[in-house]
Amino acid sequence: MIYDVLIVGGGAAGLSAAQYCRWHNLSVAVVEQLAPGGQALNIVEIENIPGQIPIPGIQWAEAMERRTEELGAHFIFTRGVSLRNQAGLFTLETDDEPVQATQVIVATGVKERTPDFSGASELAGRGISYCAPCDGPFFRGKPVAVLGGGDAACEEALFLAGICSHVTMIVSGDALTGQPRYQEMVRTNTAISMLTHTKILRADTKNNPMGVPSLTGLTLLREESGSPRETQIAVSGLFVLIGGEPRNGIIAGLPGVELDDGGFVKTDSWCETGHPGLFAVGALRNTPFSQIAVHISDGVLAARKAYLNHQNSGGEIHGDGTP
């Protein structure tokens, strides 16, 4: 069948778009490779959605998925590979069957940015992690470090402080950059210390009895007061939270799609790209402020504009999604 709207990505922006498309009686398919919820699945507790009491990220994601299904959106669990538009009909090639729609909302988000110090890639999964809720319990009672100073880094440092013996935040600049509330919570937590003007030079390791290296510490370069010096700290785990790189693969290169210098997609105020009927929402979009609340708004705007486009084209609304 041909859907009115195809949504690629099932995070906050994608699920919000799906719900609003259904409220406008448009047929919708959501293509998601893993589990719906996106980055919310990695958040211990979401507390900055207006009107929403603090809620575990996984619980919020489950509620969003459930509501999206109740409204009649179709979930297709597969990986989107490439997107093309021929005569106003979009086709998404996937690892399975192709999916077609007259409009597409791309909500593929970002992937974790990896650091470039010595040992970073070799120790992924053996002491270096990108998700504290996922891997933090493996380091219970042990010292760990967090690389980064934004909202995500602060959130995960606070989570780790509750289960690890100590958390050292490593920040390349002169201060944290997260929201003031998070900064205050970090500063007043006695289990967290912070090193500013600091970079990681290499990961220090020791082989276990099987000959497999594991993280034992970090060699740092501290550049305070204009006199760089090396120092070491002992940690069993490092959690990397230094931002993300946009997953723009299926949308980059299409006519009318513009990217900024970071690879994020430029859109108008409706989140529509320069390619008619093609939208970019959420963390993928070039936005001055990337938060779940903003991503929800992106999804709502894109869905509304998709509906207006559909009406202006004289398209026949498919209603419950049947052909």
C-alpha atoms as a PDB file:
ATOM      1  CA  MET A   1       0.000   0.000   0.000  1.00  0.00           C
ATOM      2  CA  ILE A   2       0.931   3.648  -0.304  1.00  0.00           C
ATOM      3  CA  TYR A   3       0.809   5.527   2.998  1.00  0.00           C
ATOM      4  CA  ASP A   4      -0.051   9.178   3.324  1.00  0.00           C
ATOM      5  CA  VAL A   5       2.982   9.673   5.552  1.00  0.00           C
ATOM      6  CA  LEU A   6       6.021   7.506   6.206  1.00  0.00           C
ATOM      7  CA  ILE A   7       7.994   8.264   9.356  1.00  0.00           C
ATOM      8  CA  VAL A   8      11.562   6.989   9.548  1.00  0.00           C
ATOM      9  CA  GLY A   9      12.626   6.723  13.184  1.00  0.00           C
ATOM     10  CA  GLY A  10      10.625   6.007  16.316  1.00  0.00           C
ATOM     11  CA  GLY A  11      11.991   8.459  18.861  1.00  0.00           C
ATOM     12  CA  ALA A  12      10.188  11.373  20.499  1.00  0.00           C
ATOM     13  CA  ALA A  13       9.869  13.357  17.260  1.00  0.00           C
ATOM     14  CA  GLY A  14       8.843  10.395  15.135  1.00  0.00           C
ATOM     15  CA  LEU A  15       6.225   9.074  17.540  1.00  0.00           C
ATOM     16  CA  SER A  16       4.784  12.558  18.097  1.00  0.00           C
ATOM     17  CA  ALA A  17       4.527  13.026  14.337  1.00  0.00           C
ATOM     18  CA  ALA A  18       2.817   9.648  13.980  1.00  0.00           C
ATOM     19  CA  GLN A  19       0.226  10.472  16.624  1.00  0.00           C
ATOM     20  CA  TYR A  20      -0.576  13.864  15.134  1.00  0.00           C
ATOM     21  CA  CYS A  21      -0.805  12.408  11.631  1.00  0.00           C
ATOM     22  CA  ARG A  22      -3.372   9.932  12.900  1.00  0.00           C
ATOM     23  CA  TRP A  23      -5.286  12.722  14.652  1.00  0.00           C
ATOM     24  CA  HIS A  24      -5.457  14.313  11.199  1.00  0.00           C
ATOM     25  CA  ASN A  25      -6.750  10.994   9.840  1.00  0.00           C
ATOM     26  CA  LEU A  26      -3.694  10.329   7.667  1.00  0.00           C
ATOM     27  CA  SER A  27      -2.445   6.781   7.159  1.00  0.00           C
ATOM     28  CA  VAL A  28       0.967   6.348   8.762  1.00  0.00           C
ATOM     29  CA  ALA A  29       3.813   3.852   8.846  1.00  0.00           C
ATOM     30  CA  VAL A  30       6.680   4.170  11.330  1.00  0.00           C
ATOM     31  CA  VAL A  31       9.898   2.428  10.322  1.00  0.00           C
ATOM     32  CA  GLU A  32      12.102   1.730  13.343  1.00  0.00           C
ATOM     33  CA  GLN A  33      15.162  -0.488  13.389  1.00  0.00           C
ATOM     34  CA  LEU A  34      15.257  -1.188  17.126  1.00  0.00           C
ATOM     35  CA  ALA A  35      12.771  -0.321  19.879  1.00  0.00           C
ATOM     36  CA  PRO A  36      10.544   2.784  19.758  1.00  0.00           C
ATOM     37  CA  GLY A  37      11.591   5.550  22.125  1.00  0.00           C
ATOM     38  CA  GLY A  38      14.954   6.622  20.734  1.00  0.00           C
ATOM     39  CA  GLN A  39      17.302   8.339  23.176  1.00  0.00           C
ATOM     40  CA  ALA A  40      14.591   8.336  25.848  1.00  0.00           C
ATOM     41  CA  LEU A  41      15.354   4.657  26.403  1.00  0.00           C
ATOM     42  CA  ASN A  42      18.772   5.672  27.762  1.00  0.00           C
ATOM     43  CA  ILE A  43      17.492   8.384  30.112  1.00  0.00           C
ATOM     44  CA  VAL A  44      17.130   7.357  33.736  1.00  0.00           C
ATOM     45  CA  GLU A  45      14.408   9.898  34.437  1.00  0.00           C
ATOM     46  CA  ILE A  46      12.801  12.473  32.154  1.00  0.00           C
ATOM     47  CA  GLU A  47      11.870  15.579  34.124  1.00  0.00           C
ATOM     48  CA  ASN A  48      11.842  18.441  31.619  1.00  0.00           C
ATOM     49  CA  ILE A  49       8.680  17.819  29.589  1.00  0.00           C
ATOM     50  CA  PRO A  50       6.174  20.530  30.570  1.00  0.00           C
ATOM     51  CA  GLY A  51       3.198  19.121  32.441  1.00  0.00           C
ATOM     52  CA  GLN A  52       4.795  15.699  32.828  1.00  0.00           C
ATOM     53  CA  ILE A  53       5.849  14.540  36.276  1.00  0.00           C
ATOM     54  CA  PRO A  54       9.332  12.967  36.310  1.00  0.00           C
ATOM     55  CA  ILE A  55       9.135   9.564  34.637  1.00  0.00           C
ATOM     56  CA  PRO A  56      11.704   6.858  33.781  1.00  0.00           C
ATOM     57  CA  GLY A  57      12.714   7.179  30.134  1.00  0.00           C
ATOM     58  CA  ILE A  58      11.828   3.597  29.268  1.00  0.00           C
ATOM     59  CA  GLN A  59       8.370   3.990  30.831  1.00  0.00           C
ATOM     60  CA  TRP A  60       7.734   7.149  28.829  1.00  0.00           C
ATOM     61  CA  ALA A  61       8.886   5.422  25.624  1.00  0.00           C
ATOM     62  CA  GLU A  62       6.565   2.483  26.249  1.00  0.00           C
ATOM     63  CA  ALA A  63       3.633   4.853  26.803  1.00  0.00           C
ATOM     64  CA  MET A  64       4.418   6.711  23.573  1.00  0.00           C
ATOM     65  CA  GLU A  65       4.625   3.470  21.600  1.00  0.00           C
ATOM     66  CA  ARG A  66       1.380   2.204  23.082  1.00  0.00           C
ATOM     67  CA  ARG A  67      -0.493   5.433  22.311  1.00  0.00           C
ATOM     68  CA  THR A  68       0.860   5.521  18.763  1.00  0.00           C
ATOM     69  CA  GLU A  69      -0.415   1.992  18.171  1.00  0.00           C
ATOM     70  CA  GLU A  70      -3.792   2.802  19.736  1.00  0.00           C
ATOM     71  CA  LEU A  71      -4.226   5.640  17.272  1.00  0.00           C
ATOM     72  CA  GLY A  72      -3.693   3.284  14.356  1.00  0.00           C
ATOM     73  CA  ALA A  73      -0.156   3.886  13.139  1.00  0.00           C
ATOM     74  CA  HIS A  74       1.590   0.877  11.601  1.00  0.00           C
ATOM     75  CA  PHE A  75       5.011  -0.068  12.998  1.00  0.00           C
ATOM     76  CA  ILE A  76       7.484  -1.711  10.626  1.00  0.00           C
ATOM     77  CA  PHE A  77      10.590  -2.994  12.398  1.00  0.00           C
ATOM     78  CA  THR A  78      13.416  -2.899   9.906  1.00  0.00           C
ATOM     79  CA  ARG A  79      16.334  -0.712   8.846  1.00  0.00           C
ATOM     80  CA  GLY A  80      15.814   2.049   6.318  1.00  0.00           C
ATOM     81  CA  VAL A  81      18.565   1.908   3.712  1.00  0.00           C
ATOM     82  CA  SER A  82      17.842   4.540   1.063  1.00  0.00           C
ATOM     83  CA  LEU A  83      15.121   6.973   0.039  1.00  0.00           C
ATOM     84  CA  ARG A  84      14.079   8.156  -3.414  1.00  0.00           C
ATOM     85  CA  ASN A  85      11.260  10.236  -4.870  1.00  0.00           C
ATOM     86  CA  GLN A  86       9.855   9.515  -8.299  1.00  0.00           C
ATOM     87  CA  ALA A  87       7.002  11.690  -9.545  1.00  0.00           C
ATOM     88  CA  GLY A  88       5.887  12.584  -6.035  1.00  0.00           C
ATOM     89  CA  LEU A  89       6.000   9.041  -4.681  1.00  0.00           C
ATOM     90  CA  PHE A  90       8.630   8.309  -2.043  1.00  0.00           C
ATOM     91  CA  THR A  91      10.088   4.814  -1.760  1.00  0.00           C
ATOM     92  CA  LEU A  92      12.131   3.760   1.247  1.00  0.00           C
ATOM     93  CA  GLU A  93      14.302   0.740   0.571  1.00  0.00           C
ATOM     94  CA  THR A  94      14.765  -1.335   3.701  1.00  0.00           C
ATOM     95  CA  ASP A  95      16.428  -4.570   4.744  1.00  0.00           C
ATOM     96  CA  ASP A  96      13.055  -6.145   3.974  1.00  0.00           C
ATOM     97  CA  GLU A  97      10.287  -4.890   1.698  1.00  0.00           C
ATOM     98  CA  PRO A  98      10.248  -1.316   0.314  1.00  0.00           C
ATOM     99  CA  VAL A  99       7.757   1.117   1.880  1.00  0.00           C
ATOM    100  CA  GLN A 100       6.008   3.833  -0.133  1.00  0.00           C
ATOM    101  CA  ALA A 101       4.329   7.096   0.839  1.00  0.00           C
ATOM    102  CA  THR A 102       3.417  10.454  -0.630  1.00  0.00           C
ATOM    103  CA  GLN A 103       5.269  12.311   2.169  1.00  0.00           C
ATOM    104  CA  VAL A 104       8.137  11.375   4.485  1.00  0.00           C
ATOM    105  CA  ILE A 105       9.140  12.618   7.933  1.00  0.00           C
ATOM    106  CA  VAL A 106      12.724  11.642   8.758  1.00  0.00           C
ATOM    107  CA  ALA A 107      13.420  11.343  12.483  1.00  0.00           C
ATOM    108  CA  THR A 108      16.584   9.264  12.504  1.00  0.00           C
ATOM    109  CA  GLY A 109      18.315  11.271  15.222  1.00  0.00           C
ATOM    110  CA  VAL A 110      22.013  11.085  15.966  1.00  0.00           C
ATOM    111  CA  LYS A 111      24.608   8.457  16.724  1.00  0.00           C
ATOM    112  CA  GLU A 112      27.071   8.820  19.585  1.00  0.00           C
ATOM    113  CA  ARG A 113      30.175  10.809  18.755  1.00  0.00           C
ATOM    114  CA  THR A 114      33.258   8.704  19.520  1.00  0.00           C
ATOM    115  CA  PRO A 115      36.402  10.191  21.090  1.00  0.00           C
ATOM    116  CA  ASP A 116      39.772   9.971  19.359  1.00  0.00           C
ATOM    117  CA  PHE A 117      42.163   9.210  22.207  1.00  0.00           C
ATOM    118  CA  SER A 118      44.335   6.102  22.194  1.00  0.00           C
ATOM    119  CA  GLY A 119      42.404   2.980  23.193  1.00  0.00           C
ATOM    120  CA  ALA A 120      38.924   4.483  22.777  1.00  0.00           C
ATOM    121  CA  SER A 121      37.717   2.096  20.090  1.00  0.00           C
ATOM    122  CA  GLU A 122      39.552  -0.972  21.379  1.00  0.00           C
ATOM    123  CA  LEU A 123      37.982  -0.717  24.836  1.00  0.00           C
ATOM    124  CA  ALA A 124      34.390  -0.119  23.741  1.00  0.00           C
ATOM    125  CA  GLY A 125      32.383  -2.608  25.787  1.00  0.00           C
ATOM    126  CA  ARG A 126      35.392  -3.410  27.977  1.00  0.00           C
ATOM    127  CA  GLY A 127      35.356  -0.390  30.231  1.00  0.00           C
ATOM    128  CA  ILE A 128      34.240   2.332  27.828  1.00  0.00           C
ATOM    129  CA  SER A 129      30.488   2.821  27.433  1.00  0.00           C
ATOM    130  CA  TYR A 130      28.032   5.295  25.923  1.00  0.00           C
ATOM    131  CA  CYS A 131      25.071   4.506  28.191  1.00  0.00           C
ATOM    132  CA  ALA A 132      25.147   4.713  31.994  1.00  0.00           C
ATOM    133  CA  PRO A 133      21.701   3.160  32.603  1.00  0.00           C
ATOM    134  CA  CYS A 134      22.721   0.240  30.376  1.00  0.00           C
ATOM    135  CA  ASP A 135      26.216  -0.453  31.715  1.00  0.00           C
ATOM    136  CA  GLY A 136      26.501   1.492  34.961  1.00  0.00           C
ATOM    137  CA  PRO A 137      25.478  -1.433  37.188  1.00  0.00           C
ATOM    138  CA  PHE A 138      28.579  -3.345  36.025  1.00  0.00           C
ATOM    139  CA  PHE A 139      30.668  -0.720  37.845  1.00  0.00           C
ATOM    140  CA  ARG A 140      28.778  -0.688  41.122  1.00  0.00           C
ATOM    141  CA  GLY A 141      31.043   0.397  43.968  1.00  0.00           C
ATOM    142  CA  LYS A 142      33.903   1.295  41.596  1.00  0.00           C
ATOM    143  CA  PRO A 143      35.341   4.649  40.459  1.00  0.00           C
ATOM    144  CA  VAL A 144      34.279   5.832  37.000  1.00  0.00           C
ATOM    145  CA  ALA A 145      34.639   8.887  34.793  1.00  0.00           C
ATOM    146  CA  VAL A 146      32.232  10.753  32.517  1.00  0.00           C
ATOM    147  CA  LEU A 147      33.560  12.529  29.439  1.00  0.00           C
ATOM    148  CA  GLY A 148      31.422  15.555  28.581  1.00  0.00           C
ATOM    149  CA  GLY A 149      29.704  18.474  30.273  1.00  0.00           C
ATOM    150  CA  GLY A 150      26.277  18.858  28.693  1.00  0.00           C
ATOM    151  CA  ASP A 151      22.823  17.769  29.834  1.00  0.00           C
ATOM    152  CA  ALA A 152      23.356  14.084  29.041  1.00  0.00           C
ATOM    153  CA  ALA A 153      26.732  14.014  30.779  1.00  0.00           C
ATOM    154  CA  CYS A 154      25.280  15.644  33.905  1.00  0.00           C
ATOM    155  CA  GLU A 155      22.275  13.304  33.958  1.00  0.00           C
ATOM    156  CA  GLU A 156      24.417  10.198  33.663  1.00  0.00           C
ATOM    157  CA  ALA A 157      26.978  11.429  36.191  1.00  0.00           C
ATOM    158  CA  LEU A 158      24.157  11.891  38.693  1.00  0.00           C
ATOM    159  CA  PHE A 159      22.886   8.382  37.995  1.00  0.00           C
ATOM    160  CA  LEU A 160      26.358   6.865  38.361  1.00  0.00           C
ATOM    161  CA  ALA A 161      26.955   8.788  41.600  1.00  0.00           C
ATOM    162  CA  GLY A 162      24.202   6.702  43.161  1.00  0.00           C
ATOM    163  CA  ILE A 163      25.878   3.364  42.439  1.00  0.00           C
ATOM    164  CA  CYS A 164      29.612   3.985  41.942  1.00  0.00           C
ATOM    165  CA  SER A 165      32.212   4.883  44.566  1.00  0.00           C
ATOM    166  CA  HIS A 166      33.108   8.134  42.795  1.00  0.00           C
ATOM    167  CA  VAL A 167      32.462   9.915  39.504  1.00  0.00           C
ATOM    168  CA  THR A 168      34.984  12.212  37.830  1.00  0.00           C
ATOM    169  CA  MET A 169      33.586  14.482  35.120  1.00  0.00           C
ATOM    170  CA  ILE A 170      36.132  15.379  32.442  1.00  0.00           C
ATOM    171  CA  VAL A 171      35.332  18.635  30.645  1.00  0.00           C
ATOM    172  CA  SER A 172      37.446  20.148  27.874  1.00  0.00           C
ATOM    173  CA  GLY A 173      36.198  23.683  28.516  1.00  0.00           C
ATOM    174  CA  ASP A 174      36.135  25.810  31.633  1.00  0.00           C
ATOM    175  CA  ALA A 175      32.684  24.781  32.904  1.00  0.00           C
ATOM    176  CA  LEU A 176      29.706  22.511  32.458  1.00  0.00           C
ATOM    177  CA  THR A 177      27.326  23.439  29.639  1.00  0.00           C
ATOM    178  CA  GLY A 178      24.209  21.601  30.821  1.00  0.00           C
ATOM    179  CA  GLN A 179      21.088  23.311  32.073  1.00  0.00           C
ATOM    180  CA  PRO A 180      21.574  25.257  35.342  1.00  0.00           C
ATOM    181  CA  ARG A 181      19.435  22.799  37.320  1.00  0.00           C
ATOM    182  CA  TYR A 182      21.664  19.896  36.305  1.00  0.00           C
ATOM    183  CA  GLN A 183      24.815  21.893  36.977  1.00  0.00           C
ATOM    184  CA  GLU A 184      23.668  22.698  40.509  1.00  0.00           C
ATOM    185  CA  MET A 185      22.813  19.058  41.194  1.00  0.00           C
ATOM    186  CA  VAL A 186      26.267  18.003  40.012  1.00  0.00           C
ATOM    187  CA  ARG A 187      28.088  20.657  42.029  1.00  0.00           C
ATOM    188  CA  THR A 188      26.310  19.734  45.266  1.00  0.00           C
ATOM    189  CA  ASN A 189      26.797  15.969  44.897  1.00  0.00           C
ATOM    190  CA  THR A 190      29.755  14.915  47.019  1.00  0.00           C
ATOM    191  CA  ALA A 191      30.299  11.770  44.958  1.00  0.00           C
ATOM    192  CA  ILE A 192      31.093  13.832  41.843  1.00  0.00           C
ATOM    193  CA  SER A 193      34.234  15.836  41.122  1.00  0.00           C
ATOM    194  CA  MET A 194      35.091  17.760  37.964  1.00  0.00           C
ATOM    195  CA  LEU A 195      38.246  18.341  35.952  1.00  0.00           C
ATOM    196  CA  THR A 196      38.024  21.300  33.556  1.00  0.00           C
ATOM    197  CA  HIS A 197      40.383  22.230  30.725  1.00  0.00           C
ATOM    198  CA  THR A 198      41.160  18.536  30.488  1.00  0.00           C
ATOM    199  CA  LYS A 199      41.544  16.075  27.625  1.00  0.00           C
ATOM    200  CA  ILE A 200      42.045  12.333  27.621  1.00  0.00           C
ATOM    201  CA  LEU A 201      45.331  11.291  26.038  1.00  0.00           C
ATOM    202  CA  ARG A 202      44.985   7.534  26.386  1.00  0.00           C
ATOM    203  CA  ALA A 203      43.211   4.753  28.190  1.00  0.00           C
ATOM    204  CA  ASP A 204      45.362   2.733  30.570  1.00  0.00           C
ATOM    205  CA  THR A 205      44.740  -1.003  30.596  1.00  0.00           C
ATOM    206  CA  LYS A 206      45.622  -4.300  32.190  1.00  0.00           C
ATOM    207  CA  ASN A 207      45.114  -7.737  30.700  1.00  0.00           C
ATOM    208  CA  ASN A 208      42.836 -10.140  32.525  1.00  0.00           C
ATOM    209  CA  PRO A 209      43.796 -13.844  32.939  1.00  0.00           C
ATOM    210  CA  MET A 210      42.376 -14.499  29.455  1.00  0.00           C
ATOM    211  CA  GLY A 211      44.675 -11.888  27.941  1.00  0.00           C
ATOM    212  CA  VAL A 212      41.858  -9.426  27.234  1.00  0.00           C
ATOM    213  CA  PRO A 213      42.615  -5.785  28.119  1.00  0.00           C
ATOM    214  CA  SER A 214      40.297  -3.897  30.437  1.00  0.00           C
ATOM    215  CA  LEU A 215      40.287  -0.282  31.563  1.00  0.00           C
ATOM    216  CA  THR A 216      42.213   0.572  34.725  1.00  0.00           C
ATOM    217  CA  GLY A 217      42.681   4.317  34.369  1.00  0.00           C
ATOM    218  CA  LEU A 218      43.080   7.361  32.148  1.00  0.00           C
ATOM    219  CA  THR A 219      46.066   9.504  31.266  1.00  0.00           C
ATOM    220  CA  LEU A 220      44.920  13.100  31.033  1.00  0.00           C
ATOM    221  CA  LEU A 221      46.294  16.380  29.747  1.00  0.00           C
ATOM    222  CA  ARG A 222      45.311  19.264  31.988  1.00  0.00           C
ATOM    223  CA  GLU A 223      45.725  22.709  30.449  1.00  0.00           C
ATOM    224  CA  GLU A 224      44.810  25.042  33.294  1.00  0.00           C
ATOM    225  CA  SER A 225      46.824  28.245  33.844  1.00  0.00           C
ATOM    226  CA  GLY A 226      48.551  27.910  30.479  1.00  0.00           C
ATOM    227  CA  SER A 227      50.899  25.157  31.659  1.00  0.00           C
ATOM    228  CA  PRO A 228      49.836  21.766  30.250  1.00  0.00           C
ATOM    229  CA  ARG A 229      50.671  18.756  32.385  1.00  0.00           C
ATOM    230  CA  GLU A 230      49.915  15.074  32.295  1.00  0.00           C
ATOM    231  CA  THR A 231      48.182  13.310  35.132  1.00  0.00           C
ATOM    232  CA  GLN A 232      46.559   9.924  35.745  1.00  0.00           C
ATOM    233  CA  ILE A 233      43.352   8.891  37.414  1.00  0.00           C
ATOM    234  CA  ALA A 234      42.302   5.359  38.317  1.00  0.00           C
ATOM    235  CA  VAL A 235      38.874   4.377  36.974  1.00  0.00           C
ATOM    236  CA  SER A 236      37.208   1.116  36.070  1.00  0.00           C
ATOM    237  CA  GLY A 237      34.774   2.655  33.601  1.00  0.00           C
ATOM    238  CA  LEU A 238      34.461   5.639  31.293  1.00  0.00           C
ATOM    239  CA  PHE A 239      31.116   6.911  30.015  1.00  0.00           C
ATOM    240  CA  VAL A 240      31.366   9.023  26.872  1.00  0.00           C
ATOM    241  CA  LEU A 241      28.729  11.742  26.330  1.00  0.00           C
ATOM    242  CA  ILE A 242      30.168  14.294  23.930  1.00  0.00           C
ATOM    243  CA  GLY A 243      27.231  14.850  21.615  1.00  0.00           C
ATOM    244  CA  GLY A 244      26.085  13.104  18.494  1.00  0.00           C
ATOM    245  CA  GLU A 245      26.577  12.967  14.752  1.00  0.00           C
ATOM    246  CA  PRO A 246      23.414  13.214  12.623  1.00  0.00           C
ATOM    247  CA  ARG A 247      22.143  10.068  10.942  1.00  0.00           C
ATOM    248  CA  ASN A 248      21.482  11.828   7.657  1.00  0.00           C
ATOM    249  CA  GLY A 249      22.397   9.005   5.280  1.00  0.00           C
ATOM    250  CA  ILE A 250      18.987   8.418   3.729  1.00  0.00           C
ATOM    251  CA  ILE A 251      18.203  12.107   3.260  1.00  0.00           C
ATOM    252  CA  ALA A 252      21.542  13.707   2.341  1.00  0.00           C
ATOM    253  CA  GLY A 253      21.948  14.113  -1.397  1.00  0.00           C
ATOM    254  CA  LEU A 254      18.273  14.366  -2.265  1.00  0.00           C
ATOM    255  CA  PRO A 255      17.451  17.449  -4.373  1.00  0.00           C
ATOM    256  CA  GLY A 256      16.651  20.475  -2.233  1.00  0.00           C
ATOM    257  CA  VAL A 257      18.029  19.002   1.010  1.00  0.00           C
ATOM    258  CA  GLU A 258      20.589  21.282   2.661  1.00  0.00           C
ATOM    259  CA  LEU A 259      22.912  20.370   5.525  1.00  0.00           C
ATOM    260  CA  ASP A 260      24.740  22.682   7.894  1.00  0.00           C
ATOM    261  CA  ASP A 261      28.460  22.315   8.612  1.00  0.00           C
ATOM    262  CA  GLY A 262      27.734  19.647  11.216  1.00  0.00           C
ATOM    263  CA  GLY A 263      25.611  17.569   8.860  1.00  0.00           C
ATOM    264  CA  PHE A 264      22.285  18.524  10.445  1.00  0.00           C
ATOM    265  CA  VAL A 265      19.368  19.109   8.084  1.00  0.00           C
ATOM    266  CA  LYS A 266      18.150  22.633   7.422  1.00  0.00           C
ATOM    267  CA  THR A 267      14.378  23.111   7.370  1.00  0.00           C
ATOM    268  CA  ASP A 268      11.767  25.849   7.364  1.00  0.00           C
ATOM    269  CA  SER A 269       9.615  26.676  10.398  1.00  0.00           C
ATOM    270  CA  TRP A 270       7.364  23.674   9.604  1.00  0.00           C
ATOM    271  CA  CYS A 271      10.400  21.335   9.643  1.00  0.00           C
ATOM    272  CA  GLU A 272      10.025  20.814   5.882  1.00  0.00           C
ATOM    273  CA  THR A 273      13.179  20.626   3.786  1.00  0.00           C
ATOM    274  CA  GLY A 274      13.686  22.210   0.390  1.00  0.00           C
ATOM    275  CA  HIS A 275      12.455  18.940  -1.103  1.00  0.00           C
ATOM    276  CA  PRO A 276       8.640  19.151  -1.142  1.00  0.00           C
ATOM    277  CA  GLY A 277       6.937  16.626   1.104  1.00  0.00           C
ATOM    278  CA  LEU A 278      10.162  15.699   2.894  1.00  0.00           C
ATOM    279  CA  PHE A 279      10.609  16.698   6.538  1.00  0.00           C
ATOM    280  CA  ALA A 280      13.435  16.438   9.069  1.00  0.00           C
ATOM    281  CA  VAL A 281      12.569  16.518  12.775  1.00  0.00           C
ATOM    282  CA  GLY A 282      14.134  16.008  16.168  1.00  0.00           C
ATOM    283  CA  ALA A 283      17.855  15.701  16.759  1.00  0.00           C
ATOM    284  CA  LEU A 284      18.469  15.328  13.000  1.00  0.00           C
ATOM    285  CA  ARG A 285      17.262  18.860  12.333  1.00  0.00           C
ATOM    286  CA  ASN A 286      19.404  21.979  12.526  1.00  0.00           C
ATOM    287  CA  THR A 287      17.909  23.391  15.722  1.00  0.00           C
ATOM    288  CA  PRO A 288      19.254  25.881  18.286  1.00  0.00           C
ATOM    289  CA  PHE A 289      18.090  23.708  21.196  1.00  0.00           C
ATOM    290  CA  SER A 290      17.820  19.924  21.143  1.00  0.00           C
ATOM    291  CA  GLN A 291      15.572  18.550  23.892  1.00  0.00           C
ATOM    292  CA  ILE A 292      12.768  15.980  24.028  1.00  0.00           C
ATOM    293  CA  ALA A 293      10.191  18.758  24.418  1.00  0.00           C
ATOM    294  CA  VAL A 294      11.528  20.449  21.280  1.00  0.00           C
ATOM    295  CA  HIS A 295      11.549  17.156  19.376  1.00  0.00           C
ATOM    296  CA  ILE A 296       7.907  16.577  20.300  1.00  0.00           C
ATOM    297  CA  SER A 297       7.082  20.021  18.909  1.00  0.00           C
ATOM    298  CA  ASP A 298       8.966  19.232  15.679  1.00  0.00           C
ATOM    299  CA  GLY A 299       6.857  16.127  15.179  1.00  0.00           C
ATOM    300  CA  VAL A 300       3.628  18.048  15.728  1.00  0.00           C
ATOM    301  CA  LEU A 301       4.597  20.787  13.265  1.00  0.00           C
ATOM    302  CA  ALA A 302       5.687  18.352  10.576  1.00  0.00           C
ATOM    303  CA  ALA A 303       2.499  16.312  10.923  1.00  0.00           C
ATOM    304  CA  ARG A 304       0.326  19.413  10.629  1.00  0.00           C
ATOM    305  CA  LYS A 305       2.185  20.610   7.527  1.00  0.00           C
ATOM    306  CA  ALA A 306       1.986  17.123   6.000  1.00  0.00           C
ATOM    307  CA  TYR A 307      -1.776  17.292   6.476  1.00  0.00           C
ATOM    308  CA  LEU A 308      -1.970  20.749   4.860  1.00  0.00           C
ATOM    309  CA  ASN A 309       0.141  19.523   1.942  1.00  0.00           C
ATOM    310  CA  HIS A 310      -2.149  16.529   1.585  1.00  0.00           C
ATOM    311  CA  GLN A 311      -5.249  18.727   1.542  1.00  0.00           C
ATOM    312  CA  ASN A 312      -3.748  21.157  -0.949  1.00  0.00           C
ATOM    313  CA  SER A 313      -2.842  18.325  -3.283  1.00  0.00           C
ATOM    314  CA  GLY A 314      -6.411  17.066  -3.269  1.00  0.00           C
ATOM    315  CA  GLY A 315      -5.273  13.717  -1.958  1.00  0.00           C
ATOM    316  CA  GLU A 316      -7.772  11.215  -0.668  1.00  0.00           C
ATOM    317  CA  ILE A 317      -7.250  10.571   3.042  1.00  0.00           C
ATOM    318  CA  HIS A 318      -6.853   6.871   3.729  1.00  0.00           C
ATOM    319  CA  GLY A 319      -8.257   7.135   7.240  1.00  0.00           C
ATOM    320  CA  ASP A 320      -7.481   3.925   9.109  1.00  0.00           C
ATOM    321  CA  GLY A 321      -4.554   3.118   6.860  1.00  0.00           C
ATOM    322  CA  THR A 322      -6.274   0.576   4.621  1.00  0.00           C
ATOM    323  CA  PRO A 323      -5.408   0.701   0.885  1.00  0.00           C
END
